[in-house]
N, C-alpha and C. Protein backbone atom coordinates (compact mmCIF):
# COMPACT_ATOMS: atom_id res chain seq x y z
N UNK A 1 -44.28 110.71 22.96
CA UNK A 1 -44.11 109.79 21.93
C UNK A 1 -42.60 109.18 21.77
N UNK A 2 -42.88 108.08 21.41
CA UNK A 2 -41.31 107.29 21.50
C UNK A 2 -40.53 107.58 19.91
N UNK A 3 -39.30 107.50 20.07
CA UNK A 3 -38.65 107.92 18.65
C UNK A 3 -39.05 107.08 17.62
N UNK A 4 -39.46 105.71 17.87
CA UNK A 4 -39.84 104.96 16.93
C UNK A 4 -41.11 105.36 16.15
N UNK A 5 -42.03 105.86 17.27
CA UNK A 5 -43.45 106.39 16.67
C UNK A 5 -43.14 107.68 15.83
N UNK A 6 -42.24 108.52 16.59
CA UNK A 6 -41.91 109.88 15.70
C UNK A 6 -41.31 109.46 13.99
N UNK A 7 -40.48 108.45 14.09
CA UNK A 7 -39.56 108.11 12.80
C UNK A 7 -40.60 107.50 11.94
N UNK A 8 -41.40 106.79 12.47
CA UNK A 8 -42.35 106.31 11.35
C UNK A 8 -43.73 106.48 11.27
N UNK A 9 -44.00 107.68 11.16
CA UNK A 9 -45.49 108.08 11.47
C UNK A 9 -45.86 108.53 10.01
N UNK A 10 -47.29 108.52 9.85
CA UNK A 10 -47.88 108.92 8.28
C UNK A 10 -47.38 110.23 7.83
N UNK A 11 -47.00 110.91 8.48
CA UNK A 11 -46.41 112.22 8.00
C UNK A 11 -45.02 112.52 7.69
N UNK A 12 -44.33 111.53 8.31
CA UNK A 12 -42.77 111.44 7.85
C UNK A 12 -42.45 110.55 6.65
N UNK A 13 -43.32 109.22 6.68
CA UNK A 13 -43.02 108.32 5.60
C UNK A 13 -43.52 108.81 4.34
N UNK A 14 -42.70 108.68 3.40
CA UNK A 14 -43.04 109.36 2.04
C UNK A 14 -43.18 108.25 0.87
N UNK A 15 -43.80 108.69 -0.11
CA UNK A 15 -43.93 107.81 -1.29
C UNK A 15 -43.45 108.75 -2.42
N UNK A 16 -42.72 107.91 -3.25
CA UNK A 16 -42.21 108.75 -4.56
C UNK A 16 -42.95 108.14 -5.83
N UNK A 17 -43.52 109.16 -6.66
CA UNK A 17 -44.52 108.55 -7.60
C UNK A 17 -43.84 108.99 -9.03
N UNK A 18 -43.34 108.18 -9.79
CA UNK A 18 -42.65 108.63 -11.00
C UNK A 18 -43.91 108.25 -12.40
N UNK A 19 -44.29 109.16 -12.96
CA UNK A 19 -45.11 108.75 -14.12
C UNK A 19 -44.25 109.61 -15.42
N UNK A 20 -44.53 108.60 -16.46
CA UNK A 20 -43.69 109.01 -17.62
C UNK A 20 -44.45 108.59 -18.81
N UNK A 21 -44.22 109.29 -19.88
CA UNK A 21 -44.62 109.03 -21.28
C UNK A 21 -43.26 109.27 -22.13
N UNK A 22 -42.74 108.08 -22.49
CA UNK A 22 -41.62 108.13 -23.41
C UNK A 22 -41.84 107.63 -24.75
N UNK A 23 -41.27 108.26 -25.93
CA UNK A 23 -41.33 107.64 -27.14
C UNK A 23 -40.65 106.40 -27.40
N UNK A 24 -41.33 105.46 -28.22
CA UNK A 24 -40.92 104.16 -28.33
C UNK A 24 -41.03 103.89 -29.96
N UNK A 25 -40.89 104.85 -30.79
CA UNK A 25 -40.96 104.57 -32.29
C UNK A 25 -39.82 104.04 -32.89
N UNK A 26 -38.67 104.44 -32.47
CA UNK A 26 -37.40 104.02 -33.13
C UNK A 26 -36.53 102.63 -32.04
N UNK A 27 -35.76 102.00 -32.53
CA UNK A 27 -35.18 101.12 -31.55
C UNK A 27 -34.27 101.89 -30.44
N UNK A 28 -33.60 103.06 -30.78
CA UNK A 28 -32.91 103.70 -29.91
C UNK A 28 -33.88 104.39 -28.75
N UNK A 29 -35.32 104.83 -29.18
CA UNK A 29 -36.11 104.98 -28.30
C UNK A 29 -36.63 104.14 -27.27
N UNK A 30 -36.93 102.93 -27.66
CA UNK A 30 -37.39 101.79 -27.02
C UNK A 30 -36.29 101.10 -26.17
N UNK A 31 -35.07 101.27 -26.42
CA UNK A 31 -34.02 100.88 -25.58
C UNK A 31 -33.79 101.90 -24.27
N UNK A 32 -34.12 103.07 -24.59
CA UNK A 32 -33.66 104.20 -23.51
C UNK A 32 -34.98 104.17 -22.54
N UNK A 33 -36.07 103.78 -23.28
CA UNK A 33 -37.45 103.55 -22.55
C UNK A 33 -37.43 102.38 -21.55
N UNK A 34 -36.62 101.33 -21.99
CA UNK A 34 -36.34 100.10 -21.24
C UNK A 34 -35.41 100.16 -20.10
N UNK A 35 -34.59 100.90 -20.52
CA UNK A 35 -33.43 101.34 -19.60
C UNK A 35 -33.99 102.08 -18.27
N UNK A 36 -34.76 103.06 -18.69
CA UNK A 36 -35.27 103.86 -17.69
C UNK A 36 -36.16 102.98 -16.70
N UNK A 37 -37.19 102.25 -17.31
CA UNK A 37 -38.11 101.38 -16.62
C UNK A 37 -36.99 100.32 -15.58
N UNK A 38 -36.10 99.77 -16.31
CA UNK A 38 -35.07 98.86 -15.41
C UNK A 38 -34.44 99.61 -14.32
N UNK A 39 -34.19 101.09 -14.66
CA UNK A 39 -33.44 101.78 -13.58
C UNK A 39 -34.28 101.82 -12.25
N UNK A 40 -35.55 102.16 -12.61
CA UNK A 40 -36.78 102.45 -11.68
C UNK A 40 -36.71 101.00 -10.78
N UNK A 41 -36.77 100.04 -11.36
CA UNK A 41 -37.16 98.70 -10.81
C UNK A 41 -35.95 98.24 -9.84
N UNK A 42 -34.72 98.70 -10.39
CA UNK A 42 -33.42 98.58 -9.76
C UNK A 42 -33.25 99.13 -8.53
N UNK A 43 -33.79 100.49 -8.55
CA UNK A 43 -33.96 101.36 -7.41
C UNK A 43 -35.14 100.85 -6.39
N UNK A 44 -35.84 99.99 -6.56
CA UNK A 44 -36.97 99.65 -5.55
C UNK A 44 -38.33 100.10 -5.77
N UNK A 45 -38.42 100.80 -7.23
CA UNK A 45 -39.80 101.00 -7.54
C UNK A 45 -40.46 99.79 -7.97
N UNK A 46 -41.89 100.20 -7.81
CA UNK A 46 -42.89 99.01 -8.33
C UNK A 46 -43.90 99.60 -9.35
N UNK A 47 -44.36 98.92 -10.21
CA UNK A 47 -45.27 99.38 -11.11
C UNK A 47 -46.71 99.63 -10.52
N UNK A 48 -47.18 100.88 -10.42
CA UNK A 48 -48.48 100.92 -9.99
C UNK A 48 -49.51 100.74 -11.04
N UNK A 49 -49.33 101.51 -12.28
CA UNK A 49 -49.86 101.43 -13.47
C UNK A 49 -48.81 101.39 -14.52
N UNK A 50 -49.18 100.96 -15.80
CA UNK A 50 -48.44 101.38 -16.82
C UNK A 50 -47.89 102.75 -16.93
N UNK A 51 -46.62 102.83 -17.17
CA UNK A 51 -45.91 104.32 -16.95
C UNK A 51 -46.10 104.96 -15.62
N UNK A 52 -46.25 104.39 -14.61
CA UNK A 52 -46.33 104.85 -13.22
C UNK A 52 -45.78 103.97 -12.42
N UNK A 53 -44.74 104.47 -11.73
CA UNK A 53 -44.13 103.61 -10.76
C UNK A 53 -44.01 104.27 -9.22
N UNK A 54 -43.82 103.44 -8.17
CA UNK A 54 -44.00 103.98 -6.90
C UNK A 54 -42.80 103.31 -6.10
N UNK A 55 -42.47 104.29 -5.09
CA UNK A 55 -41.63 103.72 -4.15
C UNK A 55 -41.89 104.37 -2.84
N UNK A 56 -41.94 103.45 -1.60
CA UNK A 56 -42.04 103.78 -0.42
C UNK A 56 -40.48 104.19 0.21
N UNK A 57 -40.41 105.20 1.06
CA UNK A 57 -39.41 105.50 1.75
C UNK A 57 -39.75 105.88 3.27
N UNK A 58 -38.74 105.43 4.22
CA UNK A 58 -39.24 105.82 5.46
C UNK A 58 -39.15 107.37 5.91
N UNK A 59 -38.55 108.27 5.32
CA UNK A 59 -38.24 109.58 5.47
C UNK A 59 -38.25 110.28 4.20
N UNK A 60 -38.38 111.48 4.33
CA UNK A 60 -38.40 112.73 3.26
C UNK A 60 -36.77 112.55 2.92
N UNK A 61 -35.96 112.47 3.73
CA UNK A 61 -34.51 112.40 3.32
C UNK A 61 -34.13 111.25 2.34
N UNK A 62 -34.68 110.05 2.84
CA UNK A 62 -34.48 109.04 1.88
C UNK A 62 -35.16 109.03 0.63
N UNK A 63 -36.41 109.65 0.53
CA UNK A 63 -37.04 109.79 -0.59
C UNK A 63 -36.32 110.95 -1.53
N UNK A 64 -35.74 111.94 -1.11
CA UNK A 64 -34.88 112.68 -1.72
C UNK A 64 -33.84 111.98 -2.59
N UNK A 65 -33.14 111.17 -1.99
CA UNK A 65 -32.21 110.50 -2.52
C UNK A 65 -32.63 109.70 -3.85
N UNK A 66 -33.82 108.89 -3.56
CA UNK A 66 -34.40 108.13 -4.72
C UNK A 66 -34.97 109.16 -5.79
N UNK A 67 -35.35 110.25 -5.52
CA UNK A 67 -35.70 111.19 -6.51
C UNK A 67 -34.56 111.72 -7.23
N UNK A 68 -33.28 111.83 -6.69
CA UNK A 68 -32.10 112.25 -7.26
C UNK A 68 -31.64 111.22 -8.24
N UNK A 69 -31.64 109.96 -7.64
CA UNK A 69 -31.49 108.89 -8.76
C UNK A 69 -32.20 108.71 -9.96
N UNK A 70 -33.44 109.10 -9.78
CA UNK A 70 -34.41 108.79 -11.00
C UNK A 70 -33.88 110.11 -11.95
N UNK A 71 -33.71 111.51 -11.59
CA UNK A 71 -33.31 112.35 -12.09
C UNK A 71 -32.01 112.26 -12.97
N UNK A 72 -31.26 111.54 -12.39
CA UNK A 72 -29.90 111.11 -13.20
C UNK A 72 -29.96 110.21 -14.13
N UNK A 73 -31.10 109.51 -14.39
CA UNK A 73 -31.26 108.37 -15.08
C UNK A 73 -32.24 108.79 -16.26
N UNK A 74 -32.70 109.94 -16.29
CA UNK A 74 -33.62 110.47 -17.34
C UNK A 74 -33.24 110.31 -18.78
N UNK A 75 -34.19 109.71 -19.63
CA UNK A 75 -33.83 109.64 -20.87
C UNK A 75 -33.82 111.05 -21.64
N UNK A 76 -33.17 111.07 -22.73
CA UNK A 76 -33.08 112.14 -23.24
C UNK A 76 -34.49 112.91 -23.85
N UNK A 77 -35.21 112.11 -24.31
CA UNK A 77 -36.55 112.26 -24.72
C UNK A 77 -37.74 111.87 -23.90
N UNK A 78 -38.76 112.57 -23.91
CA UNK A 78 -40.13 112.19 -23.31
C UNK A 78 -40.61 113.02 -22.07
N UNK A 79 -41.56 112.64 -21.48
CA UNK A 79 -41.98 113.45 -20.30
C UNK A 79 -42.13 112.55 -19.20
N UNK A 80 -41.61 113.11 -18.00
CA UNK A 80 -41.19 112.42 -16.87
C UNK A 80 -41.73 113.38 -15.66
N UNK A 81 -42.73 113.07 -14.78
CA UNK A 81 -43.30 113.74 -13.73
C UNK A 81 -42.71 112.97 -12.38
N UNK A 82 -42.29 113.67 -11.41
CA UNK A 82 -41.90 112.96 -10.06
C UNK A 82 -42.65 113.71 -9.05
N UNK A 83 -43.46 112.91 -8.19
CA UNK A 83 -44.43 113.42 -7.12
C UNK A 83 -43.96 112.76 -5.89
N UNK A 84 -43.91 113.66 -4.66
CA UNK A 84 -43.50 112.98 -3.28
C UNK A 84 -44.43 113.40 -2.51
N UNK A 85 -45.26 112.44 -1.86
CA UNK A 85 -46.32 112.68 -1.00
C UNK A 85 -45.98 111.84 0.32
N UNK A 86 -46.84 112.45 1.39
CA UNK A 86 -46.68 111.63 2.80
C UNK A 86 -47.47 110.42 2.53
N UNK A 87 -46.98 109.43 3.63
CA UNK A 87 -47.89 108.19 3.65
C UNK A 87 -49.26 108.49 3.85
N UNK A 88 -49.54 109.65 4.71
CA UNK A 88 -51.19 110.07 4.92
C UNK A 88 -51.71 110.48 3.81
N UNK A 89 -51.05 111.23 2.92
CA UNK A 89 -51.83 111.60 1.60
C UNK A 89 -51.99 110.21 0.74
N UNK A 90 -50.83 109.51 0.64
CA UNK A 90 -51.00 108.20 -0.24
C UNK A 90 -52.20 107.47 0.27
N UNK A 91 -52.48 107.45 1.50
CA UNK A 91 -53.50 106.53 1.98
C UNK A 91 -55.01 107.15 1.76
N UNK A 92 -55.09 108.45 1.40
CA UNK A 92 -56.20 109.18 1.05
C UNK A 92 -56.71 108.87 -0.30
N UNK A 93 -55.81 108.27 -1.10
CA UNK A 93 -56.12 107.56 -2.61
C UNK A 93 -57.33 106.75 -2.47
N UNK A 94 -58.02 107.03 -3.69
CA UNK A 94 -59.18 106.18 -3.85
C UNK A 94 -58.87 105.35 -4.93
N UNK A 95 -58.96 103.98 -5.18
CA UNK A 95 -58.77 103.14 -6.14
C UNK A 95 -60.08 102.27 -6.54
N UNK A 96 -60.29 102.63 -7.92
CA UNK A 96 -61.54 101.92 -8.45
C UNK A 96 -61.16 100.97 -9.25
N UNK A 97 -61.70 99.77 -9.47
CA UNK A 97 -61.51 98.73 -10.28
C UNK A 97 -62.69 98.51 -11.27
N UNK A 98 -62.42 98.53 -12.46
CA UNK A 98 -63.68 98.07 -13.41
C UNK A 98 -63.76 96.56 -13.47
N UNK A 99 -64.98 96.29 -13.89
CA UNK A 99 -65.31 94.96 -14.24
C UNK A 99 -64.88 94.43 -15.43
N UNK A 100 -64.18 93.32 -15.54
CA UNK A 100 -63.83 92.56 -16.61
C UNK A 100 -64.93 92.06 -17.44
N UNK A 101 -64.75 92.38 -18.88
CA UNK A 101 -65.90 91.72 -19.60
C UNK A 101 -65.89 90.32 -19.95
């Protein structure tokens, strides 16, 4: 197995998923929620669903760096979950789309 194959296989490549539910009732809460979202986008995350952002990383070490960045930008209030999975696990996800009326 070549170094490139070892380095970029489905078990080494990682995905970081950030799911959150933040309060937005006050102006201060809305500002904190917007800042958190902008920090995710600045760090290369993409919206997968509302309040769920994902980021691809070439290794678990790189994924850990991005997880640390997210934890450093956590707002004071709300609920945030961070899940890291392999590319192989991510590929097993089934996605269903409903029909628009």
